[in-house]
Amino acid sequence: MSLERHRIGAYYFRKLLGRGGMGEVYLADDLSLSRQVAIKVIWMEDQQQGASGSTRKAWRSFRREMKALSPRSSHDPALA
């Protein structure tokens, strides 16, 4: 299901930027801060039965991405 033109919380998903093995990346508006952001949505394979091995692997990979992209100081909030 595409999230284009949907609102979730403070985010309005404008368009799909890309799709990969873990999920999709969307251009979105952060309505609470009046700025555009990129949001990565991870696909969850087995939500009812708990995390499968590949879901846990995707989550670990995503956590590595978050750490790599997180700002090193409060002076550079461009990537969060």
Foldseek 3Di string as FASTA:
>chain_A
DDQDQHDDPQKGFHDWPDADDFFTWTWIARNVVGDIDIDGDGDQDCVPVDHDPVNVVSVVVVVVVLVVQCDPDPVDRVTD
